[in-house]
Amino acid sequence: MSVTSRLFAIPWVMVGGIFILVIIGTMALYSASDGVWTASVQQHLIRSALGFLLAVFIAFLPINWLFRASFIIWFGFVAILVALPFIGVGAGATRWIDLGFMNFQPSEPAKIAVVLLLARYLSLRTFDQIDKFLIYIPALLIAAIPSGLVLMQPDLGTGLMIFVAGLAVIFVSGLPKRYVLLGFGVVVASIPIIWSQLYDYQKSRLLTFLNPEKDILGAGWQITQSKIALGSGGLFGKGFLQGSQSQLDYLPEKQTDFVFTLIGEEFGFIGNSAIIFVYFLIIISITGIGLKAKNRFIRLVASGLAMVIFLYVFVNIAMVTGVLPVVGAPLPLLSYGGTAMLTVFVILGISMNLSQNSQKEDLEIT
């Protein structure tokens, strides 16, 4: 494939969208730091640059390697998640590995590992096999094992996101409707069991979600202040660095999980809508790669990666607007935090790789 063809094959809409979000994220972190150029703002830019270099490296790997290494990547992350309680750090929940220059959260890139291995496994199944129930048991285990390990950290939000991303790949592979209905019935019937297994703080978050005014100065403080900030922003916002809730520190975690709220207060409904639109373009760009692909492995990987980005955006925005309980989910490229950002850049790299190979029917990966 010539250099010109490779350049045309790159999903430039996605690349441009990611750079726009990095710039907005830098501005948001600058505002969250009270208009001071702090180390967090600088680290955000440095991590973005390193992430882009990583994406370029992945973009030009042989796609055969992505297929063949999928099991090793998945197994590696499972091994890390198993060892995390012994080697990890964290207050109340052991979710990170201290690398010195940053805290690495292996559950974030584990989402990609699940997508890659599921795409490999399901792409090797014939259409006759796809109709058989036993085929889906290994597929469910591929998603359930890392998801369960993350739930035990405990991290309910990320654990569920890993499993849902895996379910998206299984669904796109051609899952019969009867199995979808069966799965839905099992989930509904399991709700009492799931509730009994939740930690007290997780139950508290769910109850606060249903009635945040019950403990407005305690568990309901975050979501209440978030709603006040979003509402006070109005249509056009109060202006850059002019958000009263964020600048006066009424809004907690404004540089991480609630950065969308900070932007909404300063740039209003228009600003938030623009961000959602950019994310929408990124998701559509990845989905388009899968739709035009002639190879099943590429279609499944693209579908799974698009779902990962969608879950990042949906869970965070739904959380800060009160549609979902507060689960501690970052908004990648905008929130301060290295692992989620690097995960998105890895998705960018894989997407560029898939786009360059999308018209190949036989990738010689079997």
Protein backbone atom coordinates (compact mmCIF):
# COMPACT_ATOMS: atom_id res chain seq x y z
CA MET A 1 0.00 0.00 0.00
CA SER A 2 1.53 3.33 -1.07
CA VAL A 3 2.12 6.24 1.30
CA THR A 4 -0.57 8.29 -0.46
CA SER A 5 -3.10 5.49 -0.09
CA ARG A 6 -2.25 5.14 3.58
CA LEU A 7 -2.79 8.85 4.16
CA PHE A 8 -6.18 8.77 2.43
CA ALA A 9 -7.16 5.73 4.49
CA ILE A 10 -6.53 7.47 7.83
CA PRO A 11 -9.81 8.51 9.55
CA TRP A 12 -8.97 12.21 9.64
CA VAL A 13 -12.32 13.14 11.16
CA MET A 14 -11.43 11.05 14.19
CA VAL A 15 -7.89 12.44 14.36
CA GLY A 16 -9.19 16.02 14.15
CA GLY A 17 -11.88 15.35 16.75
CA ILE A 18 -9.36 13.98 19.22
CA PHE A 19 -7.09 17.00 18.82
CA ILE A 20 -10.04 19.35 19.36
CA LEU A 21 -10.94 17.52 22.57
CA VAL A 22 -7.34 17.65 23.79
CA ILE A 23 -7.32 21.44 23.33
CA ILE A 24 -10.68 21.81 25.11
CA GLY A 25 -9.45 19.52 27.88
CA THR A 26 -6.34 21.66 28.35
CA MET A 27 -8.50 24.79 28.64
CA ALA A 28 -10.79 23.03 31.13
CA LEU A 29 -7.89 21.91 33.31
CA TYR A 30 -6.45 25.44 33.19
CA SER A 31 -9.80 26.75 34.42
CA ALA A 32 -10.02 24.03 37.09
CA SER A 33 -6.59 25.20 38.31
CA ASP A 34 -8.02 28.73 38.85
CA GLY A 35 -6.37 30.12 35.73
CA VAL A 36 -2.86 28.97 36.65
CA TRP A 37 -0.55 26.89 34.43
CA THR A 38 -0.09 23.97 36.82
CA ALA A 39 1.69 20.63 36.53
CA SER A 40 -1.62 18.90 35.74
CA VAL A 41 -2.16 21.11 32.67
CA GLN A 42 1.38 20.46 31.47
CA GLN A 43 1.07 16.71 32.08
CA HIS A 44 -2.17 16.66 30.08
CA LEU A 45 -0.36 18.04 27.03
CA ILE A 46 2.67 15.77 27.48
CA ARG A 47 0.47 12.69 27.77
CA SER A 48 -1.44 13.77 24.68
CA ALA A 49 1.79 14.03 22.69
CA LEU A 50 2.99 10.63 23.91
CA GLY A 51 -0.44 9.16 23.19
CA PHE A 52 -0.36 10.43 19.62
CA LEU A 53 3.09 8.90 19.05
CA LEU A 54 1.78 5.62 20.44
CA ALA A 55 -1.22 5.82 18.08
CA VAL A 56 1.04 6.35 15.06
CA PHE A 57 3.16 3.37 16.08
CA ILE A 58 0.10 1.10 16.39
CA ALA A 59 -1.36 2.43 13.12
CA PHE A 60 1.49 0.93 11.09
CA LEU A 61 1.77 -2.44 12.82
CA PRO A 62 0.87 -5.43 10.64
CA ILE A 63 -2.79 -6.16 11.29
CA ASN A 64 -1.86 -9.86 11.46
CA TRP A 65 0.01 -8.98 14.64
CA LEU A 66 -3.10 -7.48 16.24
CA PHE A 67 -4.99 -10.68 15.47
CA ARG A 68 -2.32 -13.10 16.65
CA ALA A 69 -1.34 -11.12 19.76
CA SER A 70 -4.94 -10.65 20.95
CA PHE A 71 -4.86 -13.64 23.30
CA ILE A 72 -1.48 -12.66 24.76
CA ILE A 73 -2.73 -9.09 25.32
CA TRP A 74 -5.93 -10.34 26.98
CA PHE A 75 -4.10 -12.87 29.16
CA GLY A 76 -1.53 -10.25 30.15
CA PHE A 77 -4.18 -7.86 31.42
CA VAL A 78 -6.02 -10.64 33.23
CA ALA A 79 -2.75 -11.57 34.97
CA ILE A 80 -2.19 -7.93 35.96
CA LEU A 81 -5.75 -7.65 37.31
CA VAL A 82 -5.23 -10.83 39.35
CA ALA A 83 -1.99 -9.44 40.80
CA LEU A 84 -3.37 -5.93 41.35
CA PRO A 85 -4.50 -6.48 44.98
CA PHE A 86 -0.88 -7.32 45.83
CA ILE A 87 1.03 -4.81 43.70
CA GLY A 88 -1.49 -2.01 43.29
CA VAL A 89 -2.11 1.23 45.15
CA GLY A 90 -5.25 3.16 46.04
CA ALA A 91 -7.28 4.45 48.94
CA GLY A 92 -10.23 2.15 49.60
CA ALA A 93 -9.92 0.45 46.20
CA THR A 94 -6.76 -1.02 44.67
CA ARG A 95 -7.10 0.02 41.03
CA TRP A 96 -3.75 1.53 40.04
CA ILE A 97 -0.11 0.59 39.58
CA ASP A 98 2.38 3.28 40.52
CA LEU A 99 4.76 3.71 37.56
CA GLY A 100 6.51 6.69 39.12
CA PHE A 101 5.54 9.22 36.45
CA MET A 102 1.84 8.23 36.55
CA ASN A 103 -0.65 5.85 38.13
CA PHE A 104 -1.62 3.22 35.58
CA GLN A 105 -5.16 1.78 35.76
CA PRO A 106 -5.07 -1.57 33.90
CA SER A 107 -8.87 -1.89 33.82
CA GLU A 108 -9.07 0.88 31.19
CA PRO A 109 -6.99 -0.76 28.39
CA ALA A 110 -8.47 -4.12 29.43
CA LYS A 111 -11.57 -3.00 27.52
CA ILE A 112 -9.54 -3.04 24.31
CA ALA A 113 -8.04 -6.43 25.15
CA VAL A 114 -11.54 -7.90 25.52
CA VAL A 115 -12.66 -6.43 22.19
CA LEU A 116 -9.61 -7.77 20.31
CA LEU A 117 -9.85 -11.32 21.65
CA LEU A 118 -13.61 -11.53 21.17
CA ALA A 119 -13.22 -10.28 17.59
CA ARG A 120 -10.60 -12.95 16.93
CA TYR A 121 -12.66 -15.75 18.50
CA LEU A 122 -15.95 -14.85 16.81
CA SER A 123 -14.41 -14.06 13.41
CA LEU A 124 -13.15 -17.65 13.23
CA ARG A 125 -16.64 -19.09 13.79
CA THR A 126 -18.75 -20.08 10.80
CA PHE A 127 -22.29 -18.73 10.40
CA ASP A 128 -23.66 -22.19 11.28
CA GLN A 129 -21.66 -22.19 14.50
CA ILE A 130 -22.83 -18.67 15.42
CA ASP A 131 -26.35 -20.06 15.78
CA LYS A 132 -25.32 -22.53 18.52
CA PHE A 133 -25.52 -21.56 22.19
CA LEU A 134 -22.31 -23.36 23.28
CA ILE A 135 -20.26 -21.11 20.99
CA TYR A 136 -21.08 -18.14 23.22
CA ILE A 137 -19.88 -19.64 26.50
CA PRO A 138 -16.16 -18.98 25.77
CA ALA A 139 -17.12 -15.55 24.39
CA LEU A 140 -18.95 -14.65 27.60
CA LEU A 141 -15.98 -15.85 29.67
CA ILE A 142 -13.60 -13.65 27.65
CA ALA A 143 -15.67 -10.63 28.76
CA ALA A 144 -16.72 -11.86 32.20
CA ILE A 145 -13.30 -12.79 33.62
CA PRO A 146 -11.66 -9.33 33.42
CA SER A 147 -15.01 -7.70 34.23
CA GLY A 148 -15.35 -9.80 37.40
CA LEU A 149 -11.78 -9.04 38.48
CA VAL A 150 -12.46 -5.31 38.13
CA LEU A 151 -15.74 -5.59 40.04
CA MET A 152 -13.79 -7.14 42.93
CA GLN A 153 -11.42 -4.13 43.21
CA PRO A 154 -14.19 -2.80 43.69
CA ASP A 155 -14.98 -0.71 40.60
CA LEU A 156 -18.59 -1.23 39.56
CA GLY A 157 -18.65 1.30 36.70
CA THR A 158 -15.54 0.12 34.85
CA GLY A 159 -16.35 -3.54 35.43
CA LEU A 160 -19.77 -3.16 33.83
CA MET A 161 -18.31 -1.12 30.95
CA ILE A 162 -15.86 -3.93 30.13
CA PHE A 163 -18.67 -6.49 30.05
CA VAL A 164 -21.02 -4.30 27.98
CA ALA A 165 -18.25 -3.60 25.44
CA GLY A 166 -17.80 -7.36 25.13
CA LEU A 167 -21.54 -7.89 24.71
CA ALA A 168 -21.52 -5.35 21.88
CA VAL A 169 -18.97 -7.42 19.94
CA ILE A 170 -20.97 -10.60 20.58
CA PHE A 171 -24.18 -8.92 19.41
CA VAL A 172 -22.62 -7.59 16.18
CA SER A 173 -21.19 -11.03 15.38
CA GLY A 174 -24.72 -12.23 14.61
CA LEU A 175 -26.16 -13.23 17.98
CA PRO A 176 -29.64 -14.75 17.43
CA LYS A 177 -32.57 -12.78 18.86
CA ARG A 178 -33.62 -15.60 21.18
CA TYR A 179 -30.30 -15.42 23.02
CA VAL A 180 -30.69 -11.65 23.41
CA LEU A 181 -34.11 -12.13 25.04
CA LEU A 182 -32.74 -14.94 27.23
CA GLY A 183 -29.87 -12.75 28.40
CA PHE A 184 -32.22 -9.87 29.19
CA GLY A 185 -34.40 -12.19 31.27
CA VAL A 186 -31.39 -13.52 33.21
CA VAL A 187 -30.22 -9.98 34.02
CA VAL A 188 -33.68 -8.93 35.28
CA ALA A 189 -34.01 -12.08 37.41
CA SER A 190 -30.52 -11.52 38.86
CA ILE A 191 -31.16 -7.96 40.11
CA PRO A 192 -31.92 -9.05 43.73
CA ILE A 193 -28.74 -11.15 43.82
CA ILE A 194 -26.66 -8.34 42.32
CA TRP A 195 -28.05 -5.88 44.89
CA SER A 196 -27.15 -8.18 47.77
CA GLN A 197 -23.54 -8.39 46.56
CA LEU A 198 -22.98 -4.63 46.32
CA TYR A 199 -20.82 -2.80 48.85
CA ASP A 200 -22.53 -0.37 51.22
CA TYR A 201 -21.09 2.68 49.46
CA GLN A 202 -22.34 1.37 46.10
CA LYS A 203 -25.84 0.93 47.51
CA SER A 204 -25.60 4.43 48.95
CA ARG A 205 -24.72 5.83 45.51
CA LEU A 206 -27.70 4.09 43.93
CA LEU A 207 -30.09 5.34 46.64
CA THR A 208 -28.64 8.84 46.34
CA PHE A 209 -29.19 8.67 42.59
CA LEU A 210 -32.88 7.93 43.18
CA ASN A 211 -33.24 10.72 45.74
CA PRO A 212 -30.22 13.08 45.91
CA GLU A 213 -32.13 15.61 48.04
CA LYS A 214 -32.32 13.08 50.90
CA ASP A 215 -28.67 13.78 51.84
CA ILE A 216 -27.92 17.00 50.01
CA LEU A 217 -24.94 17.89 52.22
CA GLY A 218 -23.49 14.37 52.17
CA ALA A 219 -23.80 11.69 49.50
CA GLY A 220 -25.97 13.92 47.32
CA TRP A 221 -23.55 16.88 47.36
CA GLN A 222 -21.68 16.04 44.15
CA ILE A 223 -24.67 15.53 41.88
CA THR A 224 -26.58 18.47 43.40
CA GLN A 225 -23.70 20.90 42.81
CA SER A 226 -23.22 19.46 39.32
CA LYS A 227 -26.84 20.16 38.41
CA ILE A 228 -26.61 23.70 39.84
CA ALA A 229 -23.48 24.38 37.78
CA LEU A 230 -24.97 23.02 34.57
CA GLY A 231 -28.21 24.95 35.07
CA SER A 232 -26.45 28.21 35.92
CA GLY A 233 -24.47 28.02 32.67
CA GLY A 234 -27.63 28.57 30.64
CA LEU A 235 -27.42 28.61 26.86
CA PHE A 236 -24.05 30.32 26.33
CA GLY A 237 -22.37 29.99 29.74
CA LYS A 238 -20.83 32.49 32.12
CA GLY A 239 -17.56 32.75 30.21
CA PHE A 240 -14.09 31.24 30.47
CA LEU A 241 -12.83 31.25 34.08
CA GLN A 242 -16.12 32.82 35.22
CA GLY A 243 -17.93 29.76 36.59
CA SER A 244 -18.91 30.47 40.20
CA GLN A 245 -19.54 26.85 41.23
CA SER A 246 -16.20 25.66 39.87
CA GLN A 247 -14.05 28.68 40.71
CA LEU A 248 -15.36 28.82 44.29
CA ASP A 249 -14.74 25.08 44.72
CA TYR A 250 -18.37 24.11 45.25
CA LEU A 251 -17.99 21.60 42.43
CA PRO A 252 -15.96 18.54 43.54
CA GLU A 253 -13.69 16.59 41.20
CA LYS A 254 -14.03 19.33 38.59
CA GLN A 255 -10.73 18.37 36.93
CA THR A 256 -11.60 14.67 36.60
CA ASP A 257 -15.08 13.13 36.63
CA PHE A 258 -17.01 16.43 36.59
CA VAL A 259 -15.06 18.31 33.92
CA PHE A 260 -18.13 18.22 31.65
CA THR A 261 -20.01 20.18 34.30
CA LEU A 262 -17.24 22.78 34.51
CA ILE A 263 -17.39 23.28 30.74
CA GLY A 264 -21.18 23.51 30.88
CA GLU A 265 -21.06 26.27 33.48
CA GLU A 266 -18.50 28.31 31.54
CA PHE A 267 -19.68 27.65 27.96
CA GLY A 268 -23.30 26.68 28.52
CA PHE A 269 -25.53 24.30 26.63
CA ILE A 270 -23.87 25.28 23.36
CA GLY A 271 -20.43 24.31 24.66
CA ASN A 272 -21.61 20.97 26.02
CA SER A 273 -23.49 20.22 22.78
CA ALA A 274 -20.36 20.94 20.75
CA ILE A 275 -18.38 18.45 22.84
CA ILE A 276 -21.04 15.77 22.43
CA PHE A 277 -21.04 16.41 18.68
CA VAL A 278 -17.25 15.94 18.45
CA TYR A 279 -17.50 12.65 20.34
CA PHE A 280 -20.35 11.67 18.01
CA LEU A 281 -18.13 12.26 14.98
CA ILE A 282 -15.38 10.11 16.52
CA ILE A 283 -17.81 7.26 17.22
CA ILE A 284 -19.34 7.50 13.73
CA SER A 285 -15.85 7.53 12.19
CA ILE A 286 -14.90 4.27 13.93
CA THR A 287 -18.26 2.70 13.12
CA GLY A 288 -17.82 3.67 9.47
CA ILE A 289 -14.55 1.75 9.33
CA GLY A 290 -16.40 -1.38 10.41
CA LEU A 291 -19.27 -0.85 7.99
CA LYS A 292 -17.01 -0.58 4.94
CA ALA A 293 -14.67 -3.40 6.01
CA LYS A 294 -14.66 -6.57 3.95
CA ASN A 295 -13.10 -8.64 6.73
CA ARG A 296 -15.11 -9.88 9.70
CA PHE A 297 -12.32 -9.39 12.25
CA ILE A 298 -12.04 -5.71 11.33
CA ARG A 299 -15.82 -5.24 11.50
CA LEU A 300 -16.01 -6.72 14.99
CA VAL A 301 -13.01 -4.80 16.34
CA ALA A 302 -14.34 -1.48 15.00
CA SER A 303 -17.77 -2.13 16.50
CA GLY A 304 -16.26 -2.92 19.89
CA LEU A 305 -13.97 0.11 19.90
CA ALA A 306 -16.86 2.40 18.94
CA MET A 307 -18.82 1.00 21.88
CA VAL A 308 -15.90 1.64 24.27
CA ILE A 309 -15.82 5.32 23.29
CA PHE A 310 -19.62 5.54 23.51
CA LEU A 311 -19.61 4.04 27.01
CA TYR A 312 -16.94 6.50 28.18
CA VAL A 313 -19.03 9.44 26.98
CA PHE A 314 -22.49 8.16 27.89
CA VAL A 315 -21.63 6.99 31.42
CA ASN A 316 -19.77 10.19 32.36
CA ILE A 317 -22.33 12.62 30.95
CA ALA A 318 -25.27 10.61 32.31
CA MET A 319 -23.53 10.51 35.70
CA VAL A 320 -22.91 14.28 36.01
CA THR A 321 -26.42 15.11 34.82
CA GLY A 322 -28.10 12.73 37.26
CA VAL A 323 -29.30 10.19 34.70
CA LEU A 324 -27.01 7.51 36.17
CA PRO A 325 -25.51 7.07 39.67
CA VAL A 326 -22.07 8.54 40.35
CA VAL A 327 -19.61 5.74 39.53
CA GLY A 328 -16.32 7.58 39.07
CA ALA A 329 -15.99 7.44 35.27
CA PRO A 330 -13.66 9.92 33.50
CA LEU A 331 -14.43 11.76 30.28
CA PRO A 332 -11.38 10.84 28.16
CA LEU A 333 -9.26 13.61 26.61
CA LEU A 334 -11.05 16.15 28.80
CA SER A 335 -10.63 14.75 32.32
CA TYR A 336 -7.27 14.79 34.07
CA GLY A 337 -5.90 11.26 34.09
CA GLY A 338 -3.38 9.41 32.00
CA THR A 339 -4.73 5.88 31.55
CA ALA A 340 -8.12 6.75 30.02
CA MET A 341 -6.42 9.23 27.68
CA LEU A 342 -3.81 6.72 26.53
CA THR A 343 -6.56 4.13 26.06
CA VAL A 344 -8.34 6.47 23.62
CA PHE A 345 -5.09 7.07 21.72
CA VAL A 346 -4.58 3.30 21.47
CA ILE A 347 -8.11 3.09 20.04
CA LEU A 348 -7.12 5.83 17.57
CA GLY A 349 -4.05 3.84 16.53
CA ILE A 350 -5.99 0.61 16.09
CA SER A 351 -8.72 2.46 14.15
CA MET A 352 -6.14 3.94 11.77
CA ASN A 353 -4.69 0.46 11.33
CA LEU A 354 -8.11 -1.04 10.60
CA SER A 355 -8.95 1.75 8.16
CA GLN A 356 -5.83 1.07 6.09
CA ASN A 357 -6.72 -2.63 5.82
CA SER A 358 -10.50 -2.38 5.56
CA GLN A 359 -10.67 -3.25 1.86
CA LYS A 360 -8.69 -6.45 2.18
CA GLU A 361 -10.93 -9.50 2.13
CA ASP A 362 -8.21 -11.98 3.12
CA LEU A 363 -5.82 -10.67 5.76
CA GLU A 364 -4.10 -14.04 6.12
CA ILE A 365 -4.76 -13.98 9.84
CA THR A 366 -6.03 -17.48 10.27
